[in-house]
Amino acid sequence: MRKHDSIIRGGRVIDPADGLDAMLDIGIRDGRISAIERSIDPELADATYDASGKIVTPGLVDLHIHGYHLVSPLSVPVDHYCLGRGVTTAVDAGSAGCGTFPGFRAFAIDQVKEQVTS
């Protein structure tokens, strides 16, 4: 049995909450971090991902988006422009008001993978 489902190897791990800024490997098991070490044996996982030359960080928060795509001016497709760039939580800054919020929840917030708040 493998110790990790996957390993992200050789990336620059930056996590200000834990004071990390170093070249490290990250083990993942059942969707959660199972190890953060200088080097994890790739034989201990089913899959490995090479993060050399890349930054590995916890999900980012974008405090100002407009995510009611195709309804509100300046709005963007949230999964593409947020999740695709490491943003896992976004705050919509006024794409909908009290009269249109139910539609915003049904057609925008509930349709994306990341957490969107308004």
PDB file of N, CA and C in Angstrom:
ATOM      1  N   MET A   1       0.837  -1.187   0.000  1.00  0.00           N
ATOM      2  CA  MET A   1       0.000   0.000   0.000  1.00  0.00           C
ATOM      3  C   MET A   1       0.884   1.253   0.000  1.00  0.00           C
ATOM      4  N   ARG A   2       0.503   2.217  -0.817  1.00  0.00           N
ATOM      5  CA  ARG A   2       1.263   3.457  -0.930  1.00  0.00           C
ATOM      6  C   ARG A   2       0.968   4.374   0.253  1.00  0.00           C
ATOM      7  N   LYS A   3       1.983   5.132   0.627  1.00  0.00           N
ATOM      8  CA  LYS A   3       1.824   6.081   1.730  1.00  0.00           C
ATOM      9  C   LYS A   3       1.073   7.332   1.279  1.00  0.00           C
ATOM     10  N   HIS A   4       1.245   7.708   0.008  1.00  0.00           N
ATOM     11  CA  HIS A   4       0.609   8.907  -0.544  1.00  0.00           C
ATOM     12  C   HIS A   4      -0.100   8.536  -1.847  1.00  0.00           C
ATOM     13  N   ASP A   5      -1.166   9.251  -2.165  1.00  0.00           N
ATOM     14  CA  ASP A   5      -1.795   9.074  -3.470  1.00  0.00           C
ATOM     15  C   ASP A   5      -0.947   9.734  -4.548  1.00  0.00           C
ATOM     16  N   SER A   6      -0.414  10.903  -4.221  1.00  0.00           N
ATOM     17  CA  SER A   6       0.432  11.622  -5.173  1.00  0.00           C
ATOM     18  C   SER A   6       1.459  12.468  -4.429  1.00  0.00           C
ATOM     19  N   ILE A   7       2.480  12.862  -5.162  1.00  0.00           N
ATOM     20  CA  ILE A   7       3.532  13.712  -4.626  1.00  0.00           C
ATOM     21  C   ILE A   7       3.777  14.843  -5.620  1.00  0.00           C
ATOM     22  N   ILE A   8       3.826  16.049  -5.101  1.00  0.00           N
ATOM     23  CA  ILE A   8       4.228  17.209  -5.890  1.00  0.00           C
ATOM     24  C   ILE A   8       5.699  17.430  -5.539  1.00  0.00           C
ATOM     25  N   ARG A   9       6.576  17.283  -6.546  1.00  0.00           N
ATOM     26  CA  ARG A   9       8.006  17.274  -6.279  1.00  0.00           C
ATOM     27  C   ARG A   9       8.716  18.520  -6.783  1.00  0.00           C
ATOM     28  N   GLY A  10       9.659  19.003  -5.968  1.00  0.00           N
ATOM     29  CA  GLY A  10      10.633  19.993  -6.408  1.00  0.00           C
ATOM     30  C   GLY A  10      10.136  21.408  -6.610  1.00  0.00           C
ATOM     31  N   GLY A  11       8.981  21.759  -6.095  1.00  0.00           N
ATOM     32  CA  GLY A  11       8.475  23.122  -6.251  1.00  0.00           C
ATOM     33  C   GLY A  11       8.909  24.009  -5.101  1.00  0.00           C
ATOM     34  N   ARG A  12       8.816  25.304  -5.335  1.00  0.00           N
ATOM     35  CA  ARG A  12       9.082  26.264  -4.264  1.00  0.00           C
ATOM     36  C   ARG A  12       7.788  26.403  -3.468  1.00  0.00           C
ATOM     37  N   VAL A  13       7.778  25.855  -2.269  1.00  0.00           N
ATOM     38  CA  VAL A  13       6.594  25.867  -1.420  1.00  0.00           C
ATOM     39  C   VAL A  13       6.605  27.152  -0.596  1.00  0.00           C
ATOM     40  N   ILE A  14       5.559  27.967  -0.802  1.00  0.00           N
ATOM     41  CA  ILE A  14       5.417  29.207  -0.043  1.00  0.00           C
ATOM     42  C   ILE A  14       4.096  29.137   0.709  1.00  0.00           C
ATOM     43  N   ASP A  15       4.188  29.170   2.028  1.00  0.00           N
ATOM     44  CA  ASP A  15       3.005  29.163   2.890  1.00  0.00           C
ATOM     45  C   ASP A  15       3.270  30.095   4.069  1.00  0.00           C
ATOM     46  N   PRO A  16       2.896  31.365   3.937  1.00  0.00           N
ATOM     47  CA  PRO A  16       3.172  32.330   5.006  1.00  0.00           C
ATOM     48  C   PRO A  16       2.597  31.924   6.361  1.00  0.00           C
ATOM     49  N   ALA A  17       1.463  31.248   6.380  1.00  0.00           N
ATOM     50  CA  ALA A  17       0.844  30.855   7.651  1.00  0.00           C
ATOM     51  C   ALA A  17       1.738  29.905   8.446  1.00  0.00           C
ATOM     52  N   ASP A  18       2.516  29.089   7.746  1.00  0.00           N
ATOM     53  CA  ASP A  18       3.416  28.145   8.413  1.00  0.00           C
ATOM     54  C   ASP A  18       4.875  28.558   8.305  1.00  0.00           C
ATOM     55  N   GLY A  19       5.134  29.748   7.776  1.00  0.00           N
ATOM     56  CA  GLY A  19       6.507  30.241   7.662  1.00  0.00           C
ATOM     57  C   GLY A  19       7.356  29.466   6.674  1.00  0.00           C
ATOM     58  N   LEU A  20       6.746  28.891   5.645  1.00  0.00           N
ATOM     59  CA  LEU A  20       7.490  28.095   4.670  1.00  0.00           C
ATOM     60  C   LEU A  20       7.846  28.908   3.427  1.00  0.00           C
ATOM     61  N   ASP A  21       9.064  28.781   2.994  1.00  0.00           N
ATOM     62  CA  ASP A  21       9.536  29.307   1.711  1.00  0.00           C
ATOM     63  C   ASP A  21      10.788  28.520   1.371  1.00  0.00           C
ATOM     64  N   ALA A  22      10.586  27.362   0.754  1.00  0.00           N
ATOM     65  CA  ALA A  22      11.705  26.462   0.477  1.00  0.00           C
ATOM     66  C   ALA A  22      11.334  25.506  -0.650  1.00  0.00           C
ATOM     67  N   MET A  23      12.351  24.876  -1.210  1.00  0.00           N
ATOM     68  CA  MET A  23      12.152  23.839  -2.210  1.00  0.00           C
ATOM     69  C   MET A  23      11.800  22.550  -1.455  1.00  0.00           C
ATOM     70  N   LEU A  24      10.554  22.088  -1.619  1.00  0.00           N
ATOM     71  CA  LEU A  24      10.066  20.946  -0.852  1.00  0.00           C
ATOM     72  C   LEU A  24       9.210  20.034  -1.715  1.00  0.00           C
ATOM     73  N   ASP A  25       8.994  18.826  -1.227  1.00  0.00           N
ATOM     74  CA  ASP A  25       8.044  17.903  -1.823  1.00  0.00           C
ATOM     75  C   ASP A  25       6.818  17.858  -0.928  1.00  0.00           C
ATOM     76  N   ILE A  26       5.647  17.658  -1.542  1.00  0.00           N
ATOM     77  CA  ILE A  26       4.399  17.569  -0.787  1.00  0.00           C
ATOM     78  C   ILE A  26       3.718  16.253  -1.123  1.00  0.00           C
ATOM     79  N   GLY A  27       3.417  15.480  -0.096  1.00  0.00           N
ATOM     80  CA  GLY A  27       2.660  14.245  -0.265  1.00  0.00           C
ATOM     81  C   GLY A  27       1.186  14.527  -0.050  1.00  0.00           C
ATOM     82  N   ILE A  28       0.336  13.889  -0.854  1.00  0.00           N
ATOM     83  CA  ILE A  28      -1.106  14.083  -0.749  1.00  0.00           C
ATOM     84  C   ILE A  28      -1.773  12.715  -0.639  1.00  0.00           C
ATOM     85  N   ARG A  29      -2.684  12.598   0.324  1.00  0.00           N
ATOM     86  CA  ARG A  29      -3.445  11.357   0.500  1.00  0.00           C
ATOM     87  C   ARG A  29      -4.884  11.710   0.837  1.00  0.00           C
ATOM     88  N   ASP A  30      -5.825  11.123   0.124  1.00  0.00           N
ATOM     89  CA  ASP A  30      -7.250  11.372   0.339  1.00  0.00           C
ATOM     90  C   ASP A  30      -7.588  12.854   0.264  1.00  0.00           C
ATOM     91  N   GLY A  31      -6.935  13.572  -0.650  1.00  0.00           N
ATOM     92  CA  GLY A  31      -7.229  14.976  -0.867  1.00  0.00           C
ATOM     93  C   GLY A  31      -6.662  15.920   0.177  1.00  0.00           C
ATOM     94  N   ARG A  32      -5.810  15.415   1.054  1.00  0.00           N
ATOM     95  CA  ARG A  32      -5.218  16.238   2.115  1.00  0.00           C
ATOM     96  C   ARG A  32      -3.708  16.073   2.110  1.00  0.00           C
ATOM     97  N   ILE A  33      -3.016  17.081   2.569  1.00  0.00           N
ATOM     98  CA  ILE A  33      -1.559  17.010   2.646  1.00  0.00           C
ATOM     99  C   ILE A  33      -1.173  15.987   3.707  1.00  0.00           C
ATOM    100  N   SER A  34      -0.335  15.032   3.298  1.00  0.00           N
ATOM    101  CA  SER A  34       0.095  13.980   4.215  1.00  0.00           C
ATOM    102  C   SER A  34       1.550  14.129   4.633  1.00  0.00           C
ATOM    103  N   ALA A  35       2.310  14.954   3.901  1.00  0.00           N
ATOM    104  CA  ALA A  35       3.709  15.184   4.266  1.00  0.00           C
ATOM    105  C   ALA A  35       4.244  16.403   3.524  1.00  0.00           C
ATOM    106  N   ILE A  36       5.124  17.124   4.183  1.00  0.00           N
ATOM    107  CA  ILE A  36       5.894  18.201   3.549  1.00  0.00           C
ATOM    108  C   ILE A  36       7.332  17.974   3.992  1.00  0.00           C
ATOM    109  N   GLU A  37       8.172  17.584   3.024  1.00  0.00           N
ATOM    110  CA  GLU A  37       9.553  17.212   3.348  1.00  0.00           C
ATOM    111  C   GLU A  37      10.498  17.682   2.250  1.00  0.00           C
ATOM    112  N   ARG A  38      11.782  17.713   2.579  1.00  0.00           N
ATOM    113  CA  ARG A  38      12.794  18.104   1.583  1.00  0.00           C
ATOM    114  C   ARG A  38      12.778  17.165   0.392  1.00  0.00           C
ATOM    115  N   SER A  39      12.573  15.883   0.660  1.00  0.00           N
ATOM    116  CA  SER A  39      12.525  14.902  -0.422  1.00  0.00           C
ATOM    117  C   SER A  39      11.645  13.727   0.007  1.00  0.00           C
ATOM    118  N   ILE A  40      10.685  13.389  -0.834  1.00  0.00           N
ATOM    119  CA  ILE A  40       9.837  12.223  -0.578  1.00  0.00           C
ATOM    120  C   ILE A  40      10.090  11.221  -1.695  1.00  0.00           C
ATOM    121  N   ASP A  41      10.352   9.988  -1.319  1.00  0.00           N
ATOM    122  CA  ASP A  41      10.613   8.931  -2.287  1.00  0.00           C
ATOM    123  C   ASP A  41       9.417   8.756  -3.214  1.00  0.00           C
ATOM    124  N   PRO A  42       9.600   8.918  -4.539  1.00  0.00           N
ATOM    125  CA  PRO A  42       8.478   8.776  -5.470  1.00  0.00           C
ATOM    126  C   PRO A  42       7.832   7.392  -5.457  1.00  0.00           C
ATOM    127  N   GLU A  43       8.543   6.399  -4.960  1.00  0.00           N
ATOM    128  CA  GLU A  43       7.982   5.050  -4.870  1.00  0.00           C
ATOM    129  C   GLU A  43       6.867   4.955  -3.825  1.00  0.00           C
ATOM    130  N   LEU A  44       6.734   5.983  -2.990  1.00  0.00           N
ATOM    131  CA  LEU A  44       5.720   5.978  -1.943  1.00  0.00           C
ATOM    132  C   LEU A  44       4.364   6.511  -2.421  1.00  0.00           C
ATOM    133  N   ALA A  45       4.250   6.807  -3.723  1.00  0.00           N
ATOM    134  CA  ALA A  45       2.998   7.362  -4.248  1.00  0.00           C
ATOM    135  C   ALA A  45       2.621   6.708  -5.562  1.00  0.00           C
ATOM    136  N   ASP A  46       1.334   6.783  -5.884  1.00  0.00           N
ATOM    137  CA  ASP A  46       0.834   6.267  -7.148  1.00  0.00           C
ATOM    138  C   ASP A  46       1.182   7.194  -8.309  1.00  0.00           C
ATOM    139  N   ALA A  47       1.286   8.503  -8.026  1.00  0.00           N
ATOM    140  CA  ALA A  47       1.574   9.477  -9.080  1.00  0.00           C
ATOM    141  C   ALA A  47       2.485  10.563  -8.528  1.00  0.00           C
ATOM    142  N   THR A  48       3.331  11.093  -9.400  1.00  0.00           N
ATOM    143  CA  THR A  48       4.164  12.227  -9.016  1.00  0.00           C
ATOM    144  C   THR A  48       4.012  13.325 -10.050  1.00  0.00           C
ATOM    145  N   TYR A  49       4.109  14.558  -9.591  1.00  0.00           N
ATOM    146  CA  TYR A  49       4.004  15.730 -10.458  1.00  0.00           C
ATOM    147  C   TYR A  49       5.240  16.579 -10.259  1.00  0.00           C
ATOM    148  N   ASP A  50       5.890  16.942 -11.353  1.00  0.00           N
ATOM    149  CA  ASP A  50       7.100  17.747 -11.295  1.00  0.00           C
ATOM    150  C   ASP A  50       6.723  19.222 -11.233  1.00  0.00           C
ATOM    151  N   ALA A  51       7.049  19.867 -10.112  1.00  0.00           N
ATOM    152  CA  ALA A  51       6.754  21.287  -9.936  1.00  0.00           C
ATOM    153  C   ALA A  51       8.021  22.132 -10.012  1.00  0.00           C
ATOM    154  N   SER A  52       9.094  21.581 -10.584  1.00  0.00           N
ATOM    155  CA  SER A  52      10.346  22.324 -10.709  1.00  0.00           C
ATOM    156  C   SER A  52      10.102  23.650 -11.422  1.00  0.00           C
ATOM    157  N   GLY A  53      10.640  24.728 -10.852  1.00  0.00           N
ATOM    158  CA  GLY A  53      10.482  26.042 -11.441  1.00  0.00           C
ATOM    159  C   GLY A  53       9.127  26.671 -11.200  1.00  0.00           C
ATOM    160  N   LYS A  54       8.307  26.038 -10.363  1.00  0.00           N
ATOM    161  CA  LYS A  54       6.959  26.543 -10.093  1.00  0.00           C
ATOM    162  C   LYS A  54       6.792  26.836  -8.602  1.00  0.00           C
ATOM    163  N   ILE A  55       5.813  27.678  -8.303  1.00  0.00           N
ATOM    164  CA  ILE A  55       5.469  27.976  -6.917  1.00  0.00           C
ATOM    165  C   ILE A  55       4.292  27.092  -6.522  1.00  0.00           C
ATOM    166  N   VAL A  56       4.394  26.486  -5.356  1.00  0.00           N
ATOM    167  CA  VAL A  56       3.319  25.662  -4.800  1.00  0.00           C
ATOM    168  C   VAL A  56       2.860  26.375  -3.530  1.00  0.00           C
ATOM    169  N   THR A  57       1.586  26.731  -3.488  1.00  0.00           N
ATOM    170  CA  THR A  57       1.074  27.517  -2.367  1.00  0.00           C
ATOM    171  C   THR A  57      -0.368  27.120  -2.072  1.00  0.00           C
ATOM    172  N   PRO A  58      -0.835  27.375  -0.845  1.00  0.00           N
ATOM    173  CA  PRO A  58      -2.260  27.145  -0.585  1.00  0.00           C
ATOM    174  C   PRO A  58      -3.105  28.019  -1.511  1.00  0.00           C
ATOM    175  N   GLY A  59      -4.368  27.678  -1.672  1.00  0.00           N
ATOM    176  CA  GLY A  59      -5.258  28.442  -2.542  1.00  0.00           C
ATOM    177  C   GLY A  59      -5.276  29.925  -2.183  1.00  0.00           C
ATOM    178  N   LEU A  60      -5.294  30.753  -3.214  1.00  0.00           N
ATOM    179  CA  LEU A  60      -5.281  32.196  -3.032  1.00  0.00           C
ATOM    180  C   LEU A  60      -6.702  32.741  -2.921  1.00  0.00           C
ATOM    181  N   VAL A  61      -6.830  33.953  -2.374  1.00  0.00           N
ATOM    182  CA  VAL A  61      -8.110  34.627  -2.241  1.00  0.00           C
ATOM    183  C   VAL A  61      -8.059  35.898  -3.077  1.00  0.00           C
ATOM    184  N   ASP A  62      -9.049  36.083  -3.955  1.00  0.00           N
ATOM    185  CA  ASP A  62      -9.179  37.317  -4.733  1.00  0.00           C
ATOM    186  C   ASP A  62     -10.319  38.113  -4.108  1.00  0.00           C
ATOM    187  N   LEU A  63     -10.008  39.302  -3.599  1.00  0.00           N
ATOM    188  CA  LEU A  63     -10.982  40.089  -2.862  1.00  0.00           C
ATOM    189  C   LEU A  63     -11.864  40.983  -3.724  1.00  0.00           C
ATOM    190  N   HIS A  64     -11.677  40.953  -5.059  1.00  0.00           N
ATOM    191  CA  HIS A  64     -12.516  41.810  -5.903  1.00  0.00           C
ATOM    192  C   HIS A  64     -12.633  41.217  -7.297  1.00  0.00           C
ATOM    193  N   ILE A  65     -13.728  40.515  -7.531  1.00  0.00           N
ATOM    194  CA  ILE A  65     -14.029  40.018  -8.873  1.00  0.00           C
ATOM    195  C   ILE A  65     -15.451  40.421  -9.228  1.00  0.00           C
ATOM    196  N   HIS A  66     -15.791  40.258 -10.468  1.00  0.00           N
ATOM    197  CA  HIS A  66     -17.175  40.345 -10.941  1.00  0.00           C
ATOM    198  C   HIS A  66     -17.425  39.022 -11.645  1.00  0.00           C
ATOM    199  N   GLY A  67     -18.238  38.171 -11.027  1.00  0.00           N
ATOM    200  CA  GLY A  67     -18.388  36.802 -11.497  1.00  0.00           C
ATOM    201  C   GLY A  67     -19.746  36.415 -12.032  1.00  0.00           C
ATOM    202  N   TYR A  68     -20.611  37.390 -12.302  1.00  0.00           N
ATOM    203  CA  TYR A  68     -21.929  37.070 -12.865  1.00  0.00           C
ATOM    204  C   TYR A  68     -21.772  37.125 -14.378  1.00  0.00           C
ATOM    205  N   HIS A  69     -21.029  36.147 -14.888  1.00  0.00           N
ATOM    206  CA  HIS A  69     -20.598  36.115 -16.292  1.00  0.00           C
ATOM    207  C   HIS A  69     -21.778  36.150 -17.259  1.00  0.00           C
ATOM    208  N   LEU A  70     -21.642  36.953 -18.288  1.00  0.00           N
ATOM    209  CA  LEU A  70     -22.613  37.164 -19.364  1.00  0.00           C
ATOM    210  C   LEU A  70     -23.859  37.931 -18.911  1.00  0.00           C
ATOM    211  N   VAL A  71     -23.899  38.361 -17.662  1.00  0.00           N
ATOM    212  CA  VAL A  71     -25.033  39.132 -17.167  1.00  0.00           C
ATOM    213  C   VAL A  71     -24.581  40.534 -16.750  1.00  0.00           C
ATOM    214  N   SER A  72     -23.520  40.607 -15.998  1.00  0.00           N
ATOM    215  CA  SER A  72     -23.024  41.880 -15.480  1.00  0.00           C
ATOM    216  C   SER A  72     -21.812  42.342 -16.285  1.00  0.00           C
ATOM    217  N   PRO A  73     -21.751  43.648 -16.624  1.00  0.00           N
ATOM    218  CA  PRO A  73     -20.573  44.154 -17.346  1.00  0.00           C
ATOM    219  C   PRO A  73     -19.298  43.876 -16.548  1.00  0.00           C
ATOM    220  N   LEU A  74     -18.221  43.626 -17.236  1.00  0.00           N
ATOM    221  CA  LEU A  74     -16.892  43.355 -16.673  1.00  0.00           C
ATOM    222  C   LEU A  74     -16.766  41.997 -15.993  1.00  0.00           C
ATOM    223  N   SER A  75     -17.821  41.190 -15.992  1.00  0.00           N
ATOM    224  CA  SER A  75     -17.747  39.891 -15.336  1.00  0.00           C
ATOM    225  C   SER A  75     -16.928  38.899 -16.156  1.00  0.00           C
ATOM    226  N   VAL A  76     -16.354  37.941 -15.448  1.00  0.00           N
ATOM    227  CA  VAL A  76     -15.479  36.950 -16.078  1.00  0.00           C
ATOM    228  C   VAL A  76     -15.967  35.547 -15.750  1.00  0.00           C
ATOM    229  N   PRO A  77     -15.599  34.558 -16.576  1.00  0.00           N
ATOM    230  CA  PRO A  77     -15.865  33.166 -16.212  1.00  0.00           C
ATOM    231  C   PRO A  77     -14.961  32.784 -15.030  1.00  0.00           C
ATOM    232  N   VAL A  78     -15.544  32.564 -13.888  1.00  0.00           N
ATOM    233  CA  VAL A  78     -14.798  32.414 -12.641  1.00  0.00           C
ATOM    234  C   VAL A  78     -13.846  31.223 -12.655  1.00  0.00           C
ATOM    235  N   ASP A  79     -14.302  30.054 -13.082  1.00  0.00           N
ATOM    236  CA  ASP A  79     -13.413  28.884 -13.065  1.00  0.00           C
ATOM    237  C   ASP A  79     -12.161  29.134 -13.902  1.00  0.00           C
ATOM    238  N   HIS A  80     -12.314  29.765 -15.038  1.00  0.00           N
ATOM    239  CA  HIS A  80     -11.169  30.005 -15.913  1.00  0.00           C
ATOM    240  C   HIS A  80     -10.207  31.040 -15.315  1.00  0.00           C
ATOM    241  N   TYR A  81     -10.733  32.171 -14.902  1.00  0.00           N
ATOM    242  CA  TYR A  81      -9.859  33.256 -14.470  1.00  0.00           C
ATOM    243  C   TYR A  81      -9.466  33.201 -13.009  1.00  0.00           C
ATOM    244  N   CYS A  82     -10.168  32.445 -12.197  1.00  0.00           N
ATOM    245  CA  CYS A  82      -9.795  32.335 -10.786  1.00  0.00           C
ATOM    246  C   CYS A  82      -9.117  30.999 -10.511  1.00  0.00           C
ATOM    247  N   LEU A  83      -9.878  29.913 -10.604  1.00  0.00           N
ATOM    248  CA  LEU A  83      -9.334  28.598 -10.282  1.00  0.00           C
ATOM    249  C   LEU A  83      -8.126  28.273 -11.146  1.00  0.00           C
ATOM    250  N   GLY A  84      -8.168  28.673 -12.413  1.00  0.00           N
ATOM    251  CA  GLY A  84      -7.054  28.421 -13.321  1.00  0.00           C
ATOM    252  C   GLY A  84      -5.788  29.174 -12.967  1.00  0.00           C
ATOM    253  N   ARG A  85      -5.874  30.091 -12.015  1.00  0.00           N
ATOM    254  CA  ARG A  85      -4.715  30.879 -11.588  1.00  0.00           C
ATOM    255  C   ARG A  85      -4.445  30.735 -10.092  1.00  0.00           C
ATOM    256  N   GLY A  86      -4.990  29.699  -9.480  1.00  0.00           N
ATOM    257  CA  GLY A  86      -4.688  29.409  -8.084  1.00  0.00           C
ATOM    258  C   GLY A  86      -5.635  30.036  -7.079  1.00  0.00           C
ATOM    259  N   VAL A  87      -6.662  30.748  -7.541  1.00  0.00           N
ATOM    260  CA  VAL A  87      -7.623  31.373  -6.634  1.00  0.00           C
ATOM    261  C   VAL A  87      -8.713  30.356  -6.311  1.00  0.00           C
ATOM    262  N   THR A  88      -8.836  29.999  -5.033  1.00  0.00           N
ATOM    263  CA  THR A  88      -9.848  29.037  -4.611  1.00  0.00           C
ATOM    264  C   THR A  88     -11.027  29.701  -3.911  1.00  0.00           C
ATOM    265  N   THR A  89     -10.863  30.964  -3.535  1.00  0.00           N
ATOM    266  CA  THR A  89     -11.941  31.740  -2.916  1.00  0.00           C
ATOM    267  C   THR A  89     -11.937  33.130  -3.533  1.00  0.00           C
ATOM    268  N   ALA A  90     -13.113  33.608  -3.928  1.00  0.00           N
ATOM    269  CA  ALA A  90     -13.216  34.932  -4.541  1.00  0.00           C
ATOM    270  C   ALA A  90     -14.406  35.673  -3.954  1.00  0.00           C
ATOM    271  N   VAL A  91     -14.254  36.985  -3.849  1.00  0.00           N
ATOM    272  CA  VAL A  91     -15.330  37.840  -3.356  1.00  0.00           C
ATOM    273  C   VAL A  91     -15.852  38.653  -4.525  1.00  0.00           C
ATOM    274  N   ASP A  92     -17.121  38.469  -4.852  1.00  0.00           N
ATOM    275  CA  ASP A  92     -17.730  39.258  -5.916  1.00  0.00           C
ATOM    276  C   ASP A  92     -18.021  40.646  -5.362  1.00  0.00           C
ATOM    277  N   ALA A  93     -17.606  41.659  -6.101  1.00  0.00           N
ATOM    278  CA  ALA A  93     -17.698  43.040  -5.616  1.00  0.00           C
ATOM    279  C   ALA A  93     -18.869  43.792  -6.223  1.00  0.00           C
ATOM    280  N   GLY A  94     -20.016  43.160  -6.292  1.00  0.00           N
ATOM    281  CA  GLY A  94     -21.215  43.875  -6.687  1.00  0.00           C
ATOM    282  C   GLY A  94     -21.781  43.546  -8.041  1.00  0.00           C
ATOM    283  N   SER A  95     -21.628  42.325  -8.513  1.00  0.00           N
ATOM    284  CA  SER A  95     -22.222  41.953  -9.803  1.00  0.00           C
ATOM    285  C   SER A  95     -23.732  41.868  -9.734  1.00  0.00           C
ATOM    286  N   ALA A  96     -24.267  41.669  -8.527  1.00  0.00           N
ATOM    287  CA  ALA A  96     -25.713  41.555  -8.353  1.00  0.00           C
ATOM    288  C   ALA A  96     -26.133  42.381  -7.150  1.00  0.00           C
ATOM    289  N   GLY A  97     -27.384  42.794  -7.143  1.00  0.00           N
ATOM    290  CA  GLY A  97     -27.944  43.517  -6.012  1.00  0.00           C
ATOM    291  C   GLY A  97     -29.047  42.703  -5.380  1.00  0.00           C
ATOM    292  N   CYS A  98     -29.809  43.338  -4.507  1.00  0.00           N
ATOM    293  CA  CYS A  98     -30.845  42.594  -3.782  1.00  0.00           C
ATOM    294  C   CYS A  98     -31.897  42.012  -4.721  1.00  0.00           C
ATOM    295  N   GLY A  99     -32.154  42.687  -5.831  1.00  0.00           N
ATOM    296  CA  GLY A  99     -33.176  42.201  -6.754  1.00  0.00           C
ATOM    297  C   GLY A  99     -32.710  41.084  -7.662  1.00  0.00           C
ATOM    298  N   THR A 100     -31.411  40.955  -7.856  1.00  0.00           N
ATOM    299  CA  THR A 100     -30.896  39.938  -8.779  1.00  0.00           C
ATOM    300  C   THR A 100     -30.054  38.873  -8.090  1.00  0.00           C
ATOM    301  N   PHE A 101     -29.929  38.946  -6.756  1.00  0.00           N
ATOM    302  CA  PHE A 101     -29.072  37.997  -6.052  1.00  0.00           C
ATOM    303  C   PHE A 101     -29.516  36.544  -6.191  1.00  0.00           C
ATOM    304  N   PRO A 102     -30.823  36.230  -6.162  1.00  0.00           N
ATOM    305  CA  PRO A 102     -31.201  34.825  -6.338  1.00  0.00           C
ATOM    306  C   PRO A 102     -30.691  34.237  -7.664  1.00  0.00           C
ATOM    307  N   GLY A 103     -30.761  35.014  -8.738  1.00  0.00           N
ATOM    308  CA  GLY A 103     -30.225  34.546 -10.013  1.00  0.00           C
ATOM    309  C   GLY A 103     -28.721  34.412  -9.978  1.00  0.00           C
ATOM    310  N   PHE A 104     -28.053  35.354  -9.322  1.00  0.00           N
ATOM    311  CA  PHE A 104     -26.593  35.300  -9.172  1.00  0.00           C
ATOM    312  C   PHE A 104     -26.180  34.027  -8.434  1.00  0.00           C
ATOM    313  N   ARG A 105     -26.897  33.709  -7.347  1.00  0.00           N
ATOM    314  CA  ARG A 105     -26.581  32.478  -6.604  1.00  0.00           C
ATOM    315  C   ARG A 105     -26.798  31.251  -7.490  1.00  0.00           C
ATOM    316  N   ALA A 106     -27.934  31.168  -8.171  1.00  0.00           N
ATOM    317  CA  ALA A 106     -28.283  29.987  -8.967  1.00  0.00           C
ATOM    318  C   ALA A 106     -27.405  29.823 -10.202  1.00  0.00           C
ATOM    319  N   PHE A 107     -27.095  30.926 -10.888  1.00  0.00           N
ATOM    320  CA  PHE A 107     -26.409  30.821 -12.176  1.00  0.00           C
ATOM    321  C   PHE A 107     -24.925  31.165 -12.139  1.00  0.00           C
ATOM    322  N   ALA A 108     -24.439  31.641 -11.016  1.00  0.00           N
ATOM    323  CA  ALA A 108     -23.010  31.964 -10.918  1.00  0.00           C
ATOM    324  C   ALA A 108     -22.377  31.238  -9.728  1.00  0.00           C
ATOM    325  N   ILE A 109     -22.763  31.595  -8.515  1.00  0.00           N
ATOM    326  CA  ILE A 109     -22.135  31.027  -7.320  1.00  0.00           C
ATOM    327  C   ILE A 109     -22.230  29.504  -7.297  1.00  0.00           C
ATOM    328  N   ASP A 110     -23.400  28.964  -7.524  1.00  0.00           N
ATOM    329  CA  ASP A 110     -23.591  27.511  -7.430  1.00  0.00           C
ATOM    330  C   ASP A 110     -23.025  26.735  -8.607  1.00  0.00           C
ATOM    331  N   GLN A 111     -22.526  27.419  -9.632  1.00  0.00           N
ATOM    332  CA  GLN A 111     -22.041  26.746 -10.836  1.00  0.00           C
ATOM    333  C   GLN A 111     -20.524  26.622 -10.902  1.00  0.00           C
ATOM    334  N   VAL A 112     -19.787  27.251  -9.992  1.00  0.00           N
ATOM    335  CA  VAL A 112     -18.331  27.240 -10.066  1.00  0.00           C
ATOM    336  C   VAL A 112     -17.730  26.339  -8.996  1.00  0.00           C
ATOM    337  N   LYS A 113     -16.478  25.962  -9.206  1.00  0.00           N
ATOM    338  CA  LYS A 113     -15.809  25.039  -8.288  1.00  0.00           C
ATOM    339  C   LYS A 113     -15.262  25.721  -7.053  1.00  0.00           C
ATOM    340  N   GLU A 114     -14.840  26.996  -7.176  1.00  0.00           N
ATOM    341  CA  GLU A 114     -14.283  27.671  -6.009  1.00  0.00           C
ATOM    342  C   GLU A 114     -15.378  28.322  -5.190  1.00  0.00           C
ATOM    343  N   GLN A 115     -15.008  28.787  -4.022  1.00  0.00           N
ATOM    344  CA  GLN A 115     -15.961  29.464  -3.145  1.00  0.00           C
ATOM    345  C   GLN A 115     -16.074  30.925  -3.566  1.00  0.00           C
ATOM    346  N   VAL A 116     -17.284  31.368  -3.881  1.00  0.00           N
ATOM    347  CA  VAL A 116     -17.535  32.766  -4.245  1.00  0.00           C
ATOM    348  C   VAL A 116     -18.470  33.346  -3.203  1.00  0.00           C
ATOM    349  N   THR A 117     -18.106  34.506  -2.662  1.00  0.00           N
ATOM    350  CA  THR A 117     -18.973  35.210  -1.727  1.00  0.00           C
ATOM    351  C   THR A 117     -19.293  36.569  -2.282  1.00  0.00           C
ATOM    352  N   SER A 118     -20.337  37.173  -1.781  1.00  0.00           N
ATOM    353  CA  SER A 118     -20.728  38.492  -2.243  1.00  0.00           C
ATOM    354  C   SER A 118     -21.013  39.377  -1.074  1.00  0.00           C
TER     355      SER A 118
END
